[in-house]
């Protein structure tokens, strides 16, 4: 079986497992993951944090972003063509649903250079213990993560998204650490 077919099968299996999560359990697991992040020295020292506005089937980042944006520079990605622009989050009233993927993104907010990011919270469909990451298949984060030269890159996931091994290609970029519950 080729790498792309393996990746497709993993995505399908993880999607099925996500259906078993109740909203309450998802909230509890998300709170645990972000309590772990908040206890990290590298997070506490970070001034500029890249996060993502989670989709309904992802670890919920909304409360975390809202909690921290008045204390740290919270940055969110905006899809522009085949790249991610990094924009400062300035509040819920500045968010809008993107036309392409239906993701909530900052419609305004200062552009932030990737090298300004100290700490990056990275989404993924699945991760393995080596930090290899399987995304949704468009490569946005694989193109962005090499630019985050000064950032600790942390994948966040539910425990069933941590699997033994992710098939990787030359373009796949690992995270430094995975936190899951």
N, C-alpha and C. Protein backbone atom coordinates (compact mmCIF):
# COMPACT_ATOMS: atom_id res chain seq x y z
N UNK A 1 0.85 -1.19 0.00
CA UNK A 1 0.00 0.00 0.00
C UNK A 1 0.89 1.25 0.00
N UNK A 2 0.58 2.23 -0.83
CA UNK A 2 1.43 3.42 -0.90
C UNK A 2 1.12 4.39 0.25
N UNK A 3 2.01 5.35 0.43
CA UNK A 3 1.91 6.31 1.54
C UNK A 3 0.59 7.08 1.51
N UNK A 4 0.18 7.55 0.34
CA UNK A 4 -1.06 8.33 0.25
C UNK A 4 -2.28 7.50 0.64
N UNK A 5 -2.30 6.23 0.26
CA UNK A 5 -3.42 5.36 0.63
C UNK A 5 -3.42 5.09 2.14
N UNK A 6 -2.24 4.89 2.71
CA UNK A 6 -2.14 4.71 4.17
C UNK A 6 -2.66 5.95 4.90
N UNK A 7 -2.25 7.12 4.43
CA UNK A 7 -2.70 8.37 5.04
C UNK A 7 -4.22 8.50 4.94
N UNK A 8 -4.77 8.16 3.80
CA UNK A 8 -6.22 8.23 3.61
C UNK A 8 -6.94 7.31 4.60
N UNK A 9 -6.41 6.12 4.80
CA UNK A 9 -7.03 5.17 5.73
C UNK A 9 -6.95 5.65 7.17
N UNK A 10 -5.82 6.25 7.54
CA UNK A 10 -5.69 6.79 8.91
C UNK A 10 -6.69 7.92 9.11
N UNK A 11 -6.79 8.82 8.14
CA UNK A 11 -7.76 9.93 8.26
C UNK A 11 -9.17 9.39 8.45
N UNK A 12 -9.53 8.38 7.69
CA UNK A 12 -10.87 7.78 7.77
C UNK A 12 -11.10 7.15 9.15
N UNK A 13 -10.11 6.42 9.66
CA UNK A 13 -10.23 5.76 10.96
C UNK A 13 -10.36 6.78 12.10
N UNK A 14 -9.56 7.85 12.05
CA UNK A 14 -9.62 8.89 13.09
C UNK A 14 -10.96 9.61 13.03
N UNK A 15 -11.45 9.88 11.85
CA UNK A 15 -12.75 10.54 11.70
C UNK A 15 -13.85 9.70 12.37
N UNK A 16 -13.80 8.40 12.19
CA UNK A 16 -14.79 7.51 12.81
C UNK A 16 -14.68 7.55 14.34
N UNK A 17 -13.46 7.58 14.87
CA UNK A 17 -13.27 7.62 16.32
C UNK A 17 -13.78 8.93 16.92
N UNK A 18 -13.64 10.02 16.19
CA UNK A 18 -14.10 11.32 16.68
C UNK A 18 -15.61 11.34 16.91
N UNK A 19 -16.33 10.51 16.18
CA UNK A 19 -17.79 10.46 16.32
C UNK A 19 -18.23 9.96 17.69
N UNK A 20 -17.32 9.26 18.40
CA UNK A 20 -17.65 8.73 19.73
C UNK A 20 -17.50 9.75 20.84
N UNK A 21 -16.94 10.91 20.53
CA UNK A 21 -16.71 11.94 21.55
C UNK A 21 -17.99 12.73 21.81
N UNK A 22 -18.39 12.80 23.07
CA UNK A 22 -19.50 13.68 23.41
C UNK A 22 -18.94 15.10 23.56
N UNK A 23 -19.78 16.12 23.39
CA UNK A 23 -19.28 17.50 23.57
C UNK A 23 -18.65 17.70 24.95
N UNK A 24 -19.23 17.12 25.99
CA UNK A 24 -18.70 17.28 27.35
C UNK A 24 -17.31 16.64 27.48
N UNK A 25 -17.16 15.44 26.96
CA UNK A 25 -15.87 14.76 27.02
C UNK A 25 -14.82 15.52 26.20
N UNK A 26 -15.21 16.03 25.06
CA UNK A 26 -14.30 16.82 24.22
C UNK A 26 -13.84 18.07 24.98
N UNK A 27 -14.76 18.73 25.69
CA UNK A 27 -14.40 19.92 26.49
C UNK A 27 -13.41 19.56 27.59
N UNK A 28 -13.67 18.45 28.29
CA UNK A 28 -12.78 18.02 29.38
C UNK A 28 -11.38 17.71 28.84
N UNK A 29 -11.32 16.99 27.74
CA UNK A 29 -10.03 16.60 27.17
C UNK A 29 -9.27 17.84 26.67
N UNK A 30 -9.98 18.78 26.06
CA UNK A 30 -9.35 20.01 25.59
C UNK A 30 -8.80 20.81 26.77
N UNK A 31 -9.57 20.91 27.85
CA UNK A 31 -9.13 21.66 29.03
C UNK A 31 -7.86 21.03 29.61
N UNK A 32 -7.80 19.70 29.63
CA UNK A 32 -6.60 19.02 30.14
C UNK A 32 -5.38 19.35 29.27
N UNK A 33 -5.53 19.26 27.96
CA UNK A 33 -4.42 19.53 27.03
C UNK A 33 -3.89 20.94 27.24
N UNK A 34 -4.79 21.91 27.36
CA UNK A 34 -4.33 23.30 27.49
C UNK A 34 -3.81 23.61 28.88
N UNK A 35 -4.27 22.89 29.92
CA UNK A 35 -3.66 23.03 31.25
C UNK A 35 -2.21 22.55 31.20
N UNK A 36 -1.96 21.46 30.46
CA UNK A 36 -0.59 20.96 30.28
C UNK A 36 0.28 22.01 29.57
N UNK A 37 -0.27 22.61 28.51
CA UNK A 37 0.48 23.64 27.78
C UNK A 37 0.79 24.82 28.70
N UNK A 38 -0.21 25.27 29.46
CA UNK A 38 -0.01 26.41 30.35
C UNK A 38 1.03 26.13 31.43
N UNK A 39 1.26 24.87 31.76
CA UNK A 39 2.25 24.53 32.78
C UNK A 39 3.67 24.46 32.21
N UNK A 40 3.79 24.51 30.90
CA UNK A 40 5.11 24.42 30.27
C UNK A 40 5.90 25.72 30.40
N UNK A 41 7.15 25.59 30.79
CA UNK A 41 8.03 26.74 30.93
C UNK A 41 8.15 27.50 29.61
N UNK A 42 8.28 26.75 28.50
CA UNK A 42 8.44 27.41 27.19
C UNK A 42 7.20 28.21 26.82
N UNK A 43 6.01 27.75 27.24
CA UNK A 43 4.81 28.55 26.98
C UNK A 43 4.80 29.78 27.87
N UNK A 44 5.08 29.60 29.15
CA UNK A 44 5.04 30.74 30.08
C UNK A 44 6.00 31.85 29.65
N UNK A 45 7.15 31.47 29.10
CA UNK A 45 8.15 32.46 28.67
C UNK A 45 7.84 33.05 27.29
N UNK A 46 7.00 32.40 26.53
CA UNK A 46 6.72 32.83 25.16
C UNK A 46 5.96 34.16 25.14
N UNK A 47 6.34 35.02 24.21
CA UNK A 47 5.61 36.28 24.02
C UNK A 47 4.62 36.19 22.87
N UNK A 48 4.99 35.46 21.82
CA UNK A 48 4.17 35.36 20.62
C UNK A 48 3.84 33.90 20.36
N UNK A 49 2.54 33.58 20.41
CA UNK A 49 2.08 32.20 20.33
C UNK A 49 1.18 32.02 19.10
N UNK A 50 1.58 31.09 18.25
CA UNK A 50 0.73 30.70 17.13
C UNK A 50 -0.23 29.62 17.60
N UNK A 51 -1.50 29.82 17.34
CA UNK A 51 -2.51 28.81 17.65
C UNK A 51 -3.35 28.64 16.38
N UNK A 52 -4.50 28.02 16.50
CA UNK A 52 -5.43 27.88 15.37
C UNK A 52 -6.83 27.89 15.95
N UNK A 53 -7.76 28.43 15.20
CA UNK A 53 -9.16 28.46 15.65
C UNK A 53 -9.75 27.10 15.27
N UNK A 54 -9.99 26.26 16.26
CA UNK A 54 -10.33 24.86 16.00
C UNK A 54 -11.67 24.70 15.29
N UNK A 55 -11.71 23.65 14.48
CA UNK A 55 -12.95 23.19 13.85
C UNK A 55 -13.68 22.31 14.87
N UNK A 56 -14.97 22.04 14.65
CA UNK A 56 -15.73 21.26 15.64
C UNK A 56 -15.14 19.89 15.97
N UNK A 57 -14.40 19.28 15.07
CA UNK A 57 -13.87 17.94 15.33
C UNK A 57 -12.43 17.95 15.89
N UNK A 58 -11.91 19.13 16.25
CA UNK A 58 -10.55 19.25 16.76
C UNK A 58 -10.55 19.60 18.24
N UNK A 59 -9.42 19.36 18.90
CA UNK A 59 -9.23 19.84 20.28
C UNK A 59 -9.63 21.31 20.28
N UNK A 60 -10.47 21.69 21.23
CA UNK A 60 -11.02 23.05 21.23
C UNK A 60 -9.99 24.06 21.72
N UNK A 61 -9.66 25.02 20.85
CA UNK A 61 -8.67 26.05 21.17
C UNK A 61 -9.31 27.39 21.57
N UNK A 62 -10.62 27.52 21.38
CA UNK A 62 -11.28 28.83 21.51
C UNK A 62 -11.08 29.45 22.90
N UNK A 63 -11.38 28.68 23.96
CA UNK A 63 -11.26 29.23 25.32
C UNK A 63 -9.82 29.64 25.62
N UNK A 64 -8.88 28.82 25.19
CA UNK A 64 -7.46 29.09 25.42
C UNK A 64 -7.04 30.40 24.75
N UNK A 65 -7.42 30.58 23.49
CA UNK A 65 -7.05 31.80 22.75
C UNK A 65 -7.66 33.03 23.42
N UNK A 66 -8.94 32.93 23.77
CA UNK A 66 -9.62 34.07 24.40
C UNK A 66 -9.00 34.38 25.76
N UNK A 67 -8.63 33.35 26.50
CA UNK A 67 -8.01 33.54 27.82
C UNK A 67 -6.67 34.28 27.72
N UNK A 68 -5.88 33.95 26.70
CA UNK A 68 -4.50 34.43 26.65
C UNK A 68 -4.25 35.64 25.76
N UNK A 69 -5.17 36.02 24.91
CA UNK A 69 -4.80 37.07 23.94
C UNK A 69 -4.55 38.43 24.55
N UNK A 70 -5.03 38.67 25.76
CA UNK A 70 -4.72 39.96 26.39
C UNK A 70 -3.39 39.91 27.18
N UNK A 71 -2.78 38.71 27.25
CA UNK A 71 -1.51 38.54 27.99
C UNK A 71 -0.32 38.25 27.07
N UNK A 72 -0.61 37.66 25.92
CA UNK A 72 0.44 37.29 24.97
C UNK A 72 -0.03 37.71 23.58
N UNK A 73 0.90 37.78 22.65
CA UNK A 73 0.51 38.02 21.25
C UNK A 73 0.02 36.68 20.70
N UNK A 74 -1.28 36.53 20.57
CA UNK A 74 -1.87 35.30 20.03
C UNK A 74 -2.04 35.50 18.53
N UNK A 75 -1.51 34.57 17.76
CA UNK A 75 -1.49 34.67 16.31
C UNK A 75 -2.28 33.50 15.73
N UNK A 76 -3.09 33.77 14.71
CA UNK A 76 -3.87 32.73 14.05
C UNK A 76 -3.54 32.72 12.56
N UNK A 77 -3.61 31.54 11.94
CA UNK A 77 -3.35 31.46 10.51
C UNK A 77 -4.56 31.88 9.68
N UNK A 78 -4.27 32.46 8.53
CA UNK A 78 -5.29 32.82 7.55
C UNK A 78 -4.85 32.18 6.23
N UNK A 79 -5.72 31.40 5.62
CA UNK A 79 -5.39 30.74 4.36
C UNK A 79 -5.44 31.77 3.23
N UNK A 80 -4.32 31.93 2.54
CA UNK A 80 -4.22 32.82 1.39
C UNK A 80 -3.58 32.02 0.26
N UNK A 81 -4.39 31.58 -0.67
CA UNK A 81 -3.88 30.72 -1.75
C UNK A 81 -3.39 29.41 -1.18
N UNK A 82 -2.11 29.11 -1.41
CA UNK A 82 -1.51 27.87 -0.91
C UNK A 82 -0.69 28.08 0.36
N UNK A 83 -0.76 29.26 0.93
CA UNK A 83 0.07 29.59 2.09
C UNK A 83 -0.80 30.00 3.27
N UNK A 84 -0.16 30.05 4.45
CA UNK A 84 -0.81 30.58 5.64
C UNK A 84 -0.19 31.93 5.96
N UNK A 85 -1.03 32.95 6.06
CA UNK A 85 -0.60 34.24 6.59
C UNK A 85 -0.81 34.16 8.09
N UNK A 86 0.06 34.77 8.85
CA UNK A 86 -0.05 34.76 10.30
C UNK A 86 -0.51 36.14 10.76
N UNK A 87 -1.68 36.17 11.42
CA UNK A 87 -2.27 37.45 11.83
C UNK A 87 -2.52 37.47 13.34
N UNK A 88 -2.30 38.62 13.92
CA UNK A 88 -2.56 38.82 15.34
C UNK A 88 -4.05 38.72 15.62
N UNK A 89 -4.42 37.93 16.62
CA UNK A 89 -5.82 37.82 17.04
C UNK A 89 -6.12 39.02 17.93
N UNK A 90 -7.16 39.78 17.57
CA UNK A 90 -7.50 40.98 18.34
C UNK A 90 -8.90 40.92 18.95
N UNK A 91 -9.54 39.76 18.88
CA UNK A 91 -10.85 39.62 19.49
C UNK A 91 -11.85 38.93 18.57
N UNK A 92 -12.89 38.40 19.18
CA UNK A 92 -13.91 37.65 18.44
C UNK A 92 -14.59 38.49 17.36
N UNK A 93 -14.77 39.77 17.64
CA UNK A 93 -15.49 40.63 16.69
C UNK A 93 -14.71 40.82 15.39
N UNK A 94 -13.43 40.47 15.39
CA UNK A 94 -12.62 40.60 14.18
C UNK A 94 -12.48 39.29 13.40
N UNK A 95 -13.25 38.28 13.82
CA UNK A 95 -13.16 36.97 13.15
C UNK A 95 -14.27 36.84 12.11
N UNK A 96 -13.95 36.12 11.02
CA UNK A 96 -14.94 35.84 9.99
C UNK A 96 -14.69 34.44 9.44
N UNK A 97 -15.72 33.82 8.91
CA UNK A 97 -15.60 32.48 8.32
C UNK A 97 -14.97 32.60 6.94
N UNK A 98 -13.90 31.84 6.70
CA UNK A 98 -13.24 31.89 5.40
C UNK A 98 -14.13 31.28 4.34
N UNK A 99 -13.98 31.76 3.14
CA UNK A 99 -14.81 31.23 2.05
C UNK A 99 -14.35 29.85 1.62
N UNK A 100 -13.03 29.58 1.73
CA UNK A 100 -12.50 28.33 1.23
C UNK A 100 -12.84 27.10 2.06
N UNK A 101 -12.55 27.15 3.37
CA UNK A 101 -12.67 25.96 4.21
C UNK A 101 -13.68 26.13 5.35
N UNK A 102 -14.28 27.30 5.45
CA UNK A 102 -15.23 27.53 6.53
C UNK A 102 -14.58 27.67 7.90
N UNK A 103 -13.29 27.99 7.92
CA UNK A 103 -12.55 28.17 9.16
C UNK A 103 -12.68 29.62 9.60
N UNK A 104 -12.86 29.83 10.89
CA UNK A 104 -12.88 31.20 11.41
C UNK A 104 -11.45 31.74 11.41
N UNK A 105 -11.30 32.95 10.82
CA UNK A 105 -9.99 33.57 10.68
C UNK A 105 -10.09 35.06 11.02
N UNK A 106 -8.98 35.66 11.48
CA UNK A 106 -8.99 37.11 11.70
C UNK A 106 -9.12 37.83 10.36
N UNK A 107 -10.10 38.72 10.26
CA UNK A 107 -10.26 39.47 9.00
C UNK A 107 -9.35 40.69 8.99
N UNK A 108 -8.93 41.11 10.16
CA UNK A 108 -7.96 42.20 10.28
C UNK A 108 -6.90 41.72 11.25
N UNK A 109 -6.03 42.60 11.63
CA UNK A 109 -4.98 42.22 12.57
C UNK A 109 -3.65 42.26 11.87
N UNK A 110 -2.67 42.73 12.60
CA UNK A 110 -1.32 42.91 12.08
C UNK A 110 -0.75 41.58 11.60
N UNK A 111 -0.03 41.61 10.49
CA UNK A 111 0.70 40.43 10.02
C UNK A 111 1.89 40.20 10.94
N UNK A 112 2.15 38.94 11.25
CA UNK A 112 3.25 38.57 12.12
C UNK A 112 4.21 37.69 11.31
N UNK A 113 5.50 37.98 11.41
CA UNK A 113 6.50 37.18 10.70
C UNK A 113 6.69 35.85 11.43
N UNK A 114 6.88 34.77 10.68
CA UNK A 114 7.04 33.45 11.31
C UNK A 114 8.16 33.40 12.35
N UNK A 115 9.25 34.14 12.11
CA UNK A 115 10.37 34.09 13.06
C UNK A 115 10.06 34.80 14.38
N UNK A 116 8.94 35.53 14.45
CA UNK A 116 8.54 36.17 15.71
C UNK A 116 7.83 35.19 16.65
N UNK A 117 7.42 34.05 16.14
CA UNK A 117 6.67 33.07 16.93
C UNK A 117 7.63 32.33 17.87
N UNK A 118 7.30 32.31 19.17
CA UNK A 118 8.10 31.59 20.17
C UNK A 118 7.55 30.19 20.44
N UNK A 119 6.24 30.05 20.28
CA UNK A 119 5.56 28.82 20.67
C UNK A 119 4.44 28.60 19.67
N UNK A 120 4.34 27.41 19.11
CA UNK A 120 3.33 27.14 18.08
C UNK A 120 2.50 25.92 18.46
N UNK A 121 1.20 26.09 18.44
CA UNK A 121 0.26 25.00 18.71
C UNK A 121 -0.27 24.55 17.35
N UNK A 122 0.02 23.29 17.03
CA UNK A 122 -0.19 22.79 15.67
C UNK A 122 -1.29 21.72 15.66
N UNK A 123 -2.26 21.86 14.76
CA UNK A 123 -3.30 20.84 14.65
C UNK A 123 -2.81 19.64 13.85
N UNK A 124 -3.53 18.55 13.96
CA UNK A 124 -3.22 17.38 13.15
C UNK A 124 -4.35 16.38 13.23
N UNK A 125 -4.48 15.58 12.21
CA UNK A 125 -5.45 14.48 12.23
C UNK A 125 -4.91 13.37 13.12
N UNK A 126 -3.59 13.13 13.04
CA UNK A 126 -2.94 12.12 13.86
C UNK A 126 -1.47 12.47 14.03
N UNK A 127 -0.88 11.94 15.11
CA UNK A 127 0.54 12.13 15.40
C UNK A 127 1.10 10.77 15.82
N UNK A 128 2.43 10.65 15.78
CA UNK A 128 3.05 9.47 16.37
C UNK A 128 4.04 9.92 17.45
N UNK A 129 4.59 8.99 18.22
CA UNK A 129 5.48 9.38 19.33
C UNK A 129 6.74 10.14 18.91
N UNK A 130 7.13 10.05 17.64
CA UNK A 130 8.30 10.79 17.15
C UNK A 130 7.95 12.22 16.74
N UNK A 131 6.67 12.60 16.85
CA UNK A 131 6.26 13.95 16.45
C UNK A 131 5.83 14.04 15.00
N UNK A 132 5.88 12.92 14.28
CA UNK A 132 5.37 12.96 12.90
C UNK A 132 3.89 13.28 12.93
N UNK A 133 3.45 14.02 11.95
CA UNK A 133 2.10 14.57 11.93
C UNK A 133 1.42 14.26 10.61
N UNK A 134 0.16 13.89 10.73
CA UNK A 134 -0.68 13.73 9.55
C UNK A 134 -1.72 14.84 9.59
N UNK A 135 -1.69 15.71 8.59
CA UNK A 135 -2.66 16.80 8.52
C UNK A 135 -3.85 16.40 7.67
N UNK A 136 -4.56 17.39 7.22
CA UNK A 136 -5.75 17.14 6.41
C UNK A 136 -5.41 16.92 4.93
N UNK A 137 -4.14 17.13 4.57
CA UNK A 137 -3.71 16.76 3.23
C UNK A 137 -3.40 17.91 2.29
N UNK A 138 -3.52 19.15 2.74
CA UNK A 138 -3.26 20.29 1.86
C UNK A 138 -1.84 20.84 2.00
N UNK A 139 -1.13 20.46 3.06
CA UNK A 139 0.27 20.86 3.22
C UNK A 139 0.52 22.25 3.77
N UNK A 140 -0.53 22.94 4.24
CA UNK A 140 -0.34 24.31 4.74
C UNK A 140 0.68 24.36 5.88
N UNK A 141 0.52 23.48 6.87
CA UNK A 141 1.43 23.51 8.02
C UNK A 141 2.81 22.97 7.66
N UNK A 142 2.89 22.00 6.74
CA UNK A 142 4.20 21.51 6.32
C UNK A 142 5.00 22.61 5.62
N UNK A 143 4.32 23.54 4.96
CA UNK A 143 5.02 24.67 4.33
C UNK A 143 5.34 25.77 5.35
N UNK A 144 4.53 25.89 6.39
CA UNK A 144 4.70 26.96 7.38
C UNK A 144 5.70 26.59 8.47
N UNK A 145 5.67 25.35 8.95
CA UNK A 145 6.50 24.98 10.11
C UNK A 145 8.00 25.21 9.92
N UNK A 146 8.59 24.98 8.73
CA UNK A 146 10.03 25.27 8.59
C UNK A 146 10.37 26.75 8.80
N UNK A 147 9.40 27.62 8.64
CA UNK A 147 9.61 29.06 8.82
C UNK A 147 9.58 29.46 10.29
N UNK A 148 9.07 28.58 11.14
CA UNK A 148 8.94 28.87 12.58
C UNK A 148 10.24 28.48 13.28
N UNK A 149 11.32 29.12 12.90
CA UNK A 149 12.66 28.73 13.33
C UNK A 149 12.89 28.91 14.83
N UNK A 150 12.17 29.82 15.46
CA UNK A 150 12.40 30.12 16.88
C UNK A 150 11.32 29.54 17.78
N UNK A 151 10.44 28.76 17.22
CA UNK A 151 9.28 28.29 17.99
C UNK A 151 9.42 26.83 18.42
N UNK A 152 8.91 26.56 19.62
CA UNK A 152 8.67 25.19 20.04
C UNK A 152 7.33 24.82 19.40
N UNK A 153 7.31 23.72 18.65
CA UNK A 153 6.10 23.31 17.92
C UNK A 153 5.44 22.15 18.65
N UNK A 154 4.21 22.39 19.12
CA UNK A 154 3.49 21.41 19.94
C UNK A 154 2.21 20.98 19.23
N UNK A 155 2.10 19.69 18.97
CA UNK A 155 0.88 19.14 18.41
C UNK A 155 -0.12 18.89 19.52
N UNK A 156 -1.40 19.15 19.25
CA UNK A 156 -2.45 18.89 20.24
C UNK A 156 -3.46 17.93 19.63
N UNK A 157 -3.91 16.95 20.46
CA UNK A 157 -4.78 15.92 19.93
C UNK A 157 -5.50 15.17 21.05
N UNK A 158 -6.53 14.45 20.67
CA UNK A 158 -7.15 13.48 21.57
C UNK A 158 -6.25 12.26 21.61
N UNK A 159 -6.32 11.45 22.69
CA UNK A 159 -5.39 10.32 22.82
C UNK A 159 -5.50 9.32 21.67
N UNK A 160 -6.69 9.16 21.09
CA UNK A 160 -6.82 8.20 19.99
C UNK A 160 -6.20 8.71 18.69
N UNK A 161 -5.78 9.98 18.68
CA UNK A 161 -5.09 10.53 17.50
C UNK A 161 -3.58 10.29 17.57
N UNK A 162 -3.10 9.75 18.68
CA UNK A 162 -1.70 9.38 18.81
C UNK A 162 -1.60 7.91 18.44
N UNK A 163 -0.96 7.63 17.29
CA UNK A 163 -0.87 6.26 16.80
C UNK A 163 0.60 5.84 16.73
N UNK A 164 0.83 4.56 16.53
CA UNK A 164 2.20 4.02 16.58
C UNK A 164 3.13 4.66 15.56
N UNK A 165 2.64 4.84 14.36
CA UNK A 165 3.52 5.33 13.30
C UNK A 165 2.72 6.04 12.22
N UNK A 166 3.22 7.19 11.80
CA UNK A 166 2.62 7.97 10.70
C UNK A 166 3.49 7.75 9.47
N UNK A 167 2.89 7.39 8.34
CA UNK A 167 3.70 7.31 7.11
C UNK A 167 4.11 8.73 6.70
N UNK A 168 5.39 8.91 6.45
CA UNK A 168 5.87 10.26 6.12
C UNK A 168 6.51 10.29 4.74
N UNK A 169 6.42 11.48 4.14
CA UNK A 169 7.12 11.74 2.88
C UNK A 169 8.14 12.84 3.16
N UNK A 170 8.92 13.17 2.17
CA UNK A 170 9.97 14.17 2.36
C UNK A 170 9.44 15.54 2.75
N UNK A 171 8.18 15.81 2.46
CA UNK A 171 7.60 17.14 2.74
C UNK A 171 7.00 17.25 4.13
N UNK A 172 6.81 16.13 4.81
CA UNK A 172 6.16 16.12 6.12
C UNK A 172 7.12 16.61 7.20
N UNK A 173 6.66 17.57 7.98
CA UNK A 173 7.49 18.19 9.03
C UNK A 173 6.95 17.76 10.39
N UNK A 174 7.81 17.22 11.26
CA UNK A 174 7.33 16.81 12.59
C UNK A 174 7.21 17.99 13.56
N UNK A 175 6.46 17.77 14.62
CA UNK A 175 6.40 18.73 15.73
C UNK A 175 7.43 18.31 16.77
N UNK A 176 7.73 19.19 17.73
CA UNK A 176 8.71 18.89 18.76
C UNK A 176 8.13 18.01 19.87
N UNK A 177 6.82 18.11 20.06
CA UNK A 177 6.16 17.46 21.19
C UNK A 177 4.69 17.32 20.87
N UNK A 178 4.06 16.28 21.38
CA UNK A 178 2.61 16.10 21.22
C UNK A 178 1.98 16.02 22.60
N UNK A 179 0.94 16.81 22.82
CA UNK A 179 0.19 16.73 24.07
C UNK A 179 -1.20 16.24 23.73
N UNK A 180 -1.61 15.17 24.40
CA UNK A 180 -2.93 14.63 24.12
C UNK A 180 -3.58 14.15 25.41
N UNK A 181 -4.90 13.93 25.33
CA UNK A 181 -5.66 13.37 26.44
C UNK A 181 -6.87 12.66 25.86
